[in-house]
Amino acid sequence: MSVGTGDSADAGLYGAEEEDVCRPTDLSELLKEGTKESHNRAENTKFVRDFLKGRIQRETFKLATAALYFTYSALEEELERNKEEPAIVPLYFPQELHRKEALERDLCYFYGDAWAEAIQCSGATEAYVRRIRHLGRTRPELLVAHAYTRYMGDLSGGQILRKVAQRALHLPPTGEGIQFYVFDNVTNAQQFKQLYRARLNALDLDPETKESVVQEANHAFQFNMQVFEELDKIGTALPEAQDGGLPVHDGKGDIRKCPYYAAQQGYSNAKSLLPVSLCPCGPQEWRSMRSWPRSERVPTGWCLNVAAERLGRLWPSRSLWNQKMIRSLKRLLCGRSVC
């Protein structure tokens, strides 16, 4: 879900980097200057701005992860198929860079073992994938633009997004759900990026081909922005959330989205009020939580289905109307009044 390469003059959210000595005709320098405007536009899309502020819902993040899966599957399959091409050979780092397997682990975490049947390729992502496939068949040297834009961005701004997502979505500290951002075989990201740029500059490309690579990198940014816009529209249609995707009720709209109200109804009504399809954690994770021992407290950020069920089992519905107990429920669910 990274949005840039970390090479713009104004490093923005990526921070300043120590630059190698480059000539104006070096491909890395041409890419840096030639994509500066696209880079800044991508960083300033509403989706990315909200993400950096922690305004990301679990469902939107899951869809973004699926979009990345389809994109990287196409890119890495085409790189593999064209790995003997002169422009691809020096930049082919499957062990260090490839993301498909990491994304599969993330999708399994979010959707369960049947994740492949649960996801689908969106319209904007499909256009991105078609472009990558087309280049793999017709102009494989231009795959360099997509590999550079994606992987260098993942090693730069992607590391900031990793921390934001983990905090905003209350993901486990062990890294489940954000394996996409973890590069186990890159021990020093800064040094690796310098190596990658050096190999990029050493490619034997004529000026016309270099210009085509720069143009294609701008296309890559445009495809990413279209995916961001699509995700933003989807996110806008989802219930407003706080605490990493926990919908709340502010006295307006659908009261069924209020965790306090759901808890009041007790376990017998919780599933009818809040069907599994509304659970931000997904049905697989929801079912696995049902067996947790009663003695555990309900932590802030649990999904509504789990919270309502657990509280219904801890205190039968006939006791939920006790005012002292109600106040306790509100503290357990949210740590504050939400109604």
Protein backbone atom coordinates (compact mmCIF):
# COMPACT_ATOMS: atom_id res chain seq x y z
CA MET A 1 0.00 0.00 0.00
CA SER A 2 3.03 2.17 -0.32
CA VAL A 3 2.69 5.27 -2.43
CA GLY A 4 6.17 6.27 -3.49
CA THR A 5 9.81 5.43 -3.89
CA GLY A 6 11.37 7.69 -1.30
CA ASP A 7 13.38 9.40 -4.03
CA SER A 8 11.56 12.70 -4.45
CA ALA A 9 13.47 15.88 -3.69
CA ASP A 10 10.97 16.66 -0.96
CA ALA A 11 11.06 13.28 0.73
CA GLY A 12 7.71 13.97 2.39
CA LEU A 13 6.51 11.17 4.62
CA TYR A 14 9.56 9.06 3.76
CA GLY A 15 12.13 11.35 5.33
CA ALA A 16 15.41 12.53 3.84
CA GLU A 17 17.74 9.93 2.40
CA GLU A 18 21.45 10.01 1.76
CA GLU A 19 21.73 10.19 -2.02
CA ASP A 20 24.35 8.51 -4.17
CA VAL A 21 26.32 10.68 -6.56
CA CYS A 22 24.17 10.60 -9.69
CA ARG A 23 24.47 11.98 -13.18
CA PRO A 24 21.47 13.73 -14.74
CA THR A 25 21.28 10.93 -17.33
CA ASP A 26 21.16 8.13 -14.74
CA LEU A 27 17.84 6.31 -14.79
CA SER A 28 17.34 6.67 -11.03
CA GLU A 29 17.80 10.44 -11.35
CA LEU A 30 15.46 10.62 -14.33
CA LEU A 31 12.84 8.66 -12.38
CA LYS A 32 13.27 10.85 -9.31
CA GLU A 33 12.76 14.07 -11.25
CA GLY A 34 10.29 12.71 -13.77
CA THR A 35 7.86 11.27 -11.21
CA LYS A 36 8.10 14.00 -8.59
CA GLU A 37 4.68 15.45 -9.37
CA SER A 38 2.98 12.04 -9.51
CA HIS A 39 4.71 11.06 -6.29
CA ASN A 40 3.40 14.11 -4.46
CA ARG A 41 -0.11 13.65 -5.84
CA ALA A 42 -0.19 10.03 -4.67
CA GLU A 43 0.98 11.01 -1.18
CA ASN A 44 -1.77 13.61 -0.97
CA THR A 45 -4.73 11.48 -1.97
CA LYS A 46 -7.44 11.44 0.68
CA PHE A 47 -6.99 7.72 1.28
CA VAL A 48 -3.28 8.07 2.06
CA ARG A 49 -3.74 11.20 4.18
CA ASP A 50 -6.41 9.46 6.25
CA PHE A 51 -4.31 6.31 6.52
CA LEU A 52 -1.35 8.25 7.90
CA LYS A 53 -3.65 9.78 10.52
CA GLY A 54 -4.81 6.32 11.57
CA ARG A 55 -8.23 6.74 9.96
CA ILE A 56 -8.33 3.31 8.38
CA GLN A 57 -11.06 0.75 8.94
CA ARG A 58 -10.34 -2.93 9.14
CA GLU A 59 -12.60 -3.77 6.20
CA THR A 60 -10.93 -1.16 3.99
CA PHE A 61 -7.49 -2.43 4.99
CA LYS A 62 -8.54 -5.97 4.09
CA LEU A 63 -9.69 -4.83 0.65
CA ALA A 64 -6.45 -2.91 0.16
CA THR A 65 -4.49 -6.04 1.06
CA ALA A 66 -6.47 -8.00 -1.53
CA ALA A 67 -5.72 -5.33 -4.16
CA LEU A 68 -2.02 -5.61 -3.36
CA TYR A 69 -2.20 -9.37 -3.68
CA PHE A 70 -3.57 -9.23 -7.22
CA THR A 71 -1.09 -6.52 -8.20
CA TYR A 72 2.00 -8.26 -6.85
CA SER A 73 0.90 -11.64 -8.17
CA ALA A 74 0.81 -10.20 -11.68
CA LEU A 75 4.05 -8.24 -11.30
CA GLU A 76 6.04 -11.10 -9.83
CA GLU A 77 4.74 -13.64 -12.31
CA GLU A 78 5.75 -11.37 -15.19
CA LEU A 79 9.16 -10.68 -13.64
CA GLU A 80 9.67 -14.42 -13.24
CA ARG A 81 8.65 -15.08 -16.83
CA ASN A 82 11.01 -12.37 -18.11
CA LYS A 83 13.87 -12.85 -15.65
CA GLU A 84 16.34 -13.54 -18.47
CA GLU A 85 15.64 -10.18 -20.13
CA PRO A 86 18.73 -7.91 -19.96
CA ALA A 87 16.76 -5.13 -18.24
CA ILE A 88 15.30 -7.50 -15.64
CA VAL A 89 18.30 -9.67 -14.70
CA PRO A 90 20.15 -7.09 -12.52
CA LEU A 91 16.94 -6.09 -10.70
CA TYR A 92 15.54 -9.56 -10.07
CA PHE A 93 15.55 -10.13 -6.29
CA PRO A 94 12.82 -12.69 -5.58
CA GLN A 95 14.14 -13.70 -2.15
CA GLU A 96 14.59 -10.15 -0.96
CA LEU A 97 11.62 -8.35 -2.50
CA HIS A 98 8.77 -10.56 -3.65
CA ARG A 99 5.57 -9.96 -1.67
CA LYS A 100 3.06 -12.53 -2.91
CA GLU A 101 3.66 -15.11 -0.17
CA ALA A 102 3.61 -12.46 2.56
CA LEU A 103 0.30 -11.15 1.22
CA GLU A 104 -1.13 -14.68 1.23
CA ARG A 105 -0.31 -14.92 4.94
CA ASP A 106 -1.99 -11.57 5.59
CA LEU A 107 -5.10 -12.60 3.69
CA CYS A 108 -5.24 -15.88 5.59
CA TYR A 109 -5.12 -13.90 8.83
CA PHE A 110 -7.97 -11.59 7.79
CA TYR A 111 -10.22 -14.01 5.87
CA GLY A 112 -9.31 -17.46 7.17
CA ASP A 113 -8.17 -20.52 5.24
CA ALA A 114 -10.73 -19.90 2.50
CA TRP A 115 -9.31 -16.45 1.73
CA ALA A 116 -8.90 -17.18 -1.99
CA GLU A 117 -12.67 -17.60 -2.35
CA ALA A 118 -13.40 -14.55 -0.19
CA ILE A 119 -11.55 -11.92 -2.24
CA GLN A 120 -12.07 -10.51 -5.70
CA CYS A 121 -10.16 -8.18 -7.97
CA SER A 122 -11.70 -4.70 -8.05
CA GLY A 123 -12.13 -2.63 -11.19
CA ALA A 124 -9.20 -0.28 -10.55
CA THR A 125 -6.94 -3.16 -9.56
CA GLU A 126 -7.93 -5.14 -12.64
CA ALA A 127 -6.86 -2.24 -14.89
CA TYR A 128 -3.51 -2.15 -13.08
CA VAL A 129 -3.06 -5.90 -13.51
CA ARG A 130 -3.96 -5.77 -17.21
CA ARG A 131 -1.27 -3.15 -17.81
CA ILE A 132 1.39 -5.25 -16.06
CA ARG A 133 0.39 -8.35 -18.03
CA HIS A 134 0.47 -6.41 -21.29
CA LEU A 135 3.98 -5.13 -20.63
CA GLY A 136 5.18 -8.60 -19.71
CA ARG A 137 4.09 -9.82 -23.14
CA THR A 138 5.10 -6.84 -25.26
CA ARG A 139 7.70 -4.62 -23.53
CA PRO A 140 9.19 -6.41 -20.52
CA GLU A 141 11.86 -3.75 -20.04
CA LEU A 142 9.11 -1.40 -18.86
CA LEU A 143 8.32 -3.73 -15.97
CA VAL A 144 11.34 -2.03 -14.39
CA ALA A 145 9.17 1.05 -13.81
CA HIS A 146 6.55 -0.91 -11.87
CA ALA A 147 9.09 -2.90 -9.87
CA TYR A 148 11.01 0.25 -8.95
CA THR A 149 7.88 2.19 -7.96
CA ARG A 150 6.42 -0.61 -5.88
CA TYR A 151 9.39 -2.16 -4.11
CA MET A 152 11.28 1.03 -3.36
CA GLY A 153 8.07 2.50 -1.97
CA ASP A 154 7.51 -0.57 0.19
CA LEU A 155 10.99 -0.22 1.67
CA SER A 156 10.47 3.51 2.29
CA GLY A 157 7.03 4.89 3.14
CA GLY A 158 5.60 1.41 3.48
CA GLN A 159 7.42 1.04 6.77
CA ILE A 160 5.57 4.05 8.18
CA LEU A 161 2.23 2.66 6.99
CA ARG A 162 3.08 -0.63 8.70
CA LYS A 163 3.34 1.06 12.09
CA VAL A 164 0.20 3.12 11.53
CA ALA A 165 -1.85 0.06 10.53
CA GLN A 166 -0.64 -1.99 13.47
CA ARG A 167 -1.57 0.76 15.91
CA ALA A 168 -4.85 1.88 14.31
CA LEU A 169 -6.24 -1.63 13.76
CA HIS A 170 -4.93 -3.10 17.03
CA LEU A 171 -3.09 -5.82 15.13
CA PRO A 172 -0.96 -8.31 17.08
CA PRO A 173 2.57 -7.15 17.98
CA THR A 174 3.86 -10.37 16.40
CA GLY A 175 3.07 -8.97 12.94
CA GLU A 176 0.00 -10.88 11.79
CA GLY A 177 -1.90 -8.94 9.14
CA ILE A 178 1.06 -6.76 8.10
CA GLN A 179 3.57 -9.33 6.81
CA PHE A 180 3.46 -7.48 3.49
CA TYR A 181 5.65 -4.78 5.03
CA VAL A 182 8.18 -7.19 6.55
CA PHE A 183 11.29 -7.84 4.44
CA ASP A 184 13.05 -10.61 6.33
CA ASN A 185 15.84 -10.92 3.77
CA VAL A 186 16.66 -7.21 3.61
CA THR A 187 18.86 -6.50 6.60
CA ASN A 188 19.48 -2.84 5.77
CA ALA A 189 16.79 -1.13 3.70
CA GLN A 190 18.85 1.98 3.00
CA GLN A 191 21.81 0.02 1.66
CA PHE A 192 19.56 -2.23 -0.39
CA LYS A 193 17.86 0.77 -2.02
CA GLN A 194 21.27 2.18 -2.91
CA LEU A 195 22.22 -1.15 -4.48
CA TYR A 196 18.96 -1.24 -6.42
CA ARG A 197 19.45 2.29 -7.76
CA ALA A 198 23.05 1.52 -8.73
CA ARG A 199 21.90 -1.48 -10.75
CA LEU A 200 19.13 0.59 -12.25
CA ASN A 201 21.69 3.15 -13.41
CA ALA A 202 23.87 0.41 -14.90
CA LEU A 203 21.13 -0.85 -17.24
CA ASP A 204 22.13 -0.55 -20.89
CA LEU A 205 19.15 1.47 -22.09
CA ASP A 206 19.06 4.12 -24.79
CA PRO A 207 17.61 7.58 -23.99
CA GLU A 208 14.28 6.77 -25.63
CA THR A 209 13.82 3.64 -23.53
CA LYS A 210 14.77 5.53 -20.37
CA GLU A 211 12.11 8.11 -21.16
CA SER A 212 9.59 5.30 -21.69
CA VAL A 213 10.48 3.87 -18.27
CA VAL A 214 9.86 7.27 -16.65
CA GLN A 215 6.52 7.59 -18.42
CA GLU A 216 5.56 4.10 -17.30
CA ALA A 217 6.48 4.93 -13.71
CA ASN A 218 4.05 7.85 -13.90
CA HIS A 219 1.43 5.42 -15.19
CA ALA A 220 2.16 3.21 -12.17
CA PHE A 221 1.50 6.11 -9.81
CA GLN A 222 -1.73 6.84 -11.68
CA PHE A 223 -2.91 3.25 -11.33
CA ASN A 224 -2.15 3.40 -7.62
CA MET A 225 -4.12 6.62 -7.23
CA GLN A 226 -7.10 5.04 -8.96
CA VAL A 227 -6.96 2.15 -6.50
CA PHE A 228 -6.74 4.64 -3.61
CA GLU A 229 -9.78 6.54 -4.91
CA GLU A 230 -11.72 3.30 -5.21
CA LEU A 231 -10.81 2.28 -1.65
CA ASP A 232 -11.75 5.73 -0.37
CA LYS A 233 -15.22 5.43 -1.90
CA ILE A 234 -15.68 2.03 -0.30
CA GLY A 235 -14.45 3.32 3.05
CA THR A 236 -16.86 6.25 2.91
CA ALA A 237 -19.77 3.83 2.54
CA LEU A 238 -18.75 1.81 5.61
CA PRO A 239 -20.03 2.66 9.11
CA GLU A 240 -17.96 5.32 10.82
CA ALA A 241 -15.47 3.72 13.17
CA GLN A 242 -13.26 4.50 16.12
CA ASP A 243 -10.64 2.46 17.95
CA GLY A 244 -9.43 0.60 14.90
CA GLY A 245 -12.69 -0.24 13.22
CA LEU A 246 -15.13 -0.50 16.14
CA PRO A 247 -18.38 1.15 14.97
CA VAL A 248 -20.03 3.38 17.56
CA HIS A 249 -23.38 5.07 17.98
CA ASP A 250 -23.50 8.79 18.67
CA GLY A 251 -27.25 9.11 19.09
CA LYS A 252 -27.83 9.34 15.34
CA GLY A 253 -28.35 6.73 12.67
CA ASP A 254 -28.60 2.97 13.22
CA ILE A 255 -28.56 2.16 16.94
CA ARG A 256 -27.57 -1.44 16.14
CA LYS A 257 -24.04 -0.16 15.52
CA CYS A 258 -23.72 0.90 19.15
CA PRO A 259 -21.68 -1.62 21.22
CA TYR A 260 -23.39 -0.47 24.43
CA TYR A 261 -26.81 -1.17 22.92
CA ALA A 262 -25.67 -4.53 21.57
CA ALA A 263 -24.34 -5.56 24.96
CA GLN A 264 -27.63 -4.57 26.62
CA GLN A 265 -29.49 -7.06 24.45
CA GLY A 266 -27.47 -9.99 25.75
CA TYR A 267 -26.23 -13.04 23.89
CA SER A 268 -29.68 -14.25 22.85
CA ASN A 269 -30.22 -11.25 20.57
CA ALA A 270 -26.65 -10.30 19.69
CA LYS A 271 -26.37 -12.34 16.52
CA SER A 272 -29.70 -11.15 15.13
CA LEU A 273 -28.82 -7.53 15.85
CA LEU A 274 -25.28 -7.81 14.51
CA PRO A 275 -24.97 -10.50 11.84
CA VAL A 276 -21.57 -12.06 11.20
CA SER A 277 -21.34 -10.19 7.87
CA LEU A 278 -20.96 -6.93 9.82
CA CYS A 279 -18.14 -8.23 12.00
CA PRO A 280 -14.90 -6.36 11.12
CA CYS A 281 -12.87 -9.39 12.21
CA GLY A 282 -14.52 -11.72 9.70
CA PRO A 283 -16.55 -14.88 10.39
CA GLN A 284 -13.55 -17.19 10.81
CA GLU A 285 -11.97 -15.10 13.53
CA TRP A 286 -15.35 -14.50 15.17
CA ARG A 287 -16.00 -18.22 15.51
CA SER A 288 -12.56 -18.90 16.93
CA MET A 289 -13.07 -16.29 19.67
CA ARG A 290 -16.28 -17.91 20.92
CA SER A 291 -14.33 -20.52 22.86
CA TRP A 292 -12.27 -18.04 24.87
CA PRO A 293 -12.61 -18.56 28.66
CA ARG A 294 -15.17 -16.54 30.56
CA SER A 295 -12.60 -15.22 32.98
CA GLU A 296 -10.99 -13.01 30.32
CA ARG A 297 -11.94 -9.35 30.25
CA VAL A 298 -13.25 -7.70 27.11
CA PRO A 299 -10.41 -5.52 25.73
CA THR A 300 -11.02 -2.24 23.95
CA GLY A 301 -11.30 -2.70 20.20
CA TRP A 302 -13.08 -6.06 20.07
CA CYS A 303 -15.62 -6.41 17.30
CA LEU A 304 -19.27 -6.00 18.21
CA ASN A 305 -20.27 -9.62 17.69
CA VAL A 306 -17.57 -10.90 20.02
CA ALA A 307 -18.17 -8.23 22.66
CA ALA A 308 -21.93 -8.74 22.68
CA GLU A 309 -21.60 -12.51 22.85
CA ARG A 310 -18.96 -12.50 25.58
CA LEU A 311 -20.85 -10.02 27.73
CA GLY A 312 -24.07 -11.95 27.22
CA ARG A 313 -22.39 -15.09 28.57
CA LEU A 314 -20.66 -13.28 31.42
CA TRP A 315 -23.88 -11.64 32.61
CA PRO A 316 -27.29 -13.10 31.65
CA SER A 317 -29.62 -10.64 29.95
CA ARG A 318 -31.90 -10.38 33.01
CA SER A 319 -28.98 -8.79 34.90
CA LEU A 320 -27.87 -6.41 32.19
CA TRP A 321 -30.39 -3.78 33.17
CA ASN A 322 -28.72 -3.24 36.51
CA GLN A 323 -27.36 0.30 36.24
CA LYS A 324 -24.10 -0.46 37.98
CA MET A 325 -23.47 -3.34 35.60
CA ILE A 326 -24.34 -1.19 32.60
CA ARG A 327 -21.68 1.33 33.59
CA SER A 328 -19.17 -1.50 33.87
CA LEU A 329 -20.08 -2.74 30.41
CA LYS A 330 -19.50 0.69 28.94
CA ARG A 331 -16.05 0.84 30.51
CA LEU A 332 -15.17 -2.66 29.33
CA LEU A 333 -16.28 -2.06 25.76
CA CYS A 334 -14.96 1.38 25.07
CA GLY A 335 -13.45 2.93 28.14
CA ARG A 336 -15.92 5.78 27.72
CA SER A 337 -19.58 6.51 27.06
CA VAL A 338 -20.45 6.19 23.37
CA CYS A 339 -24.22 6.80 23.44
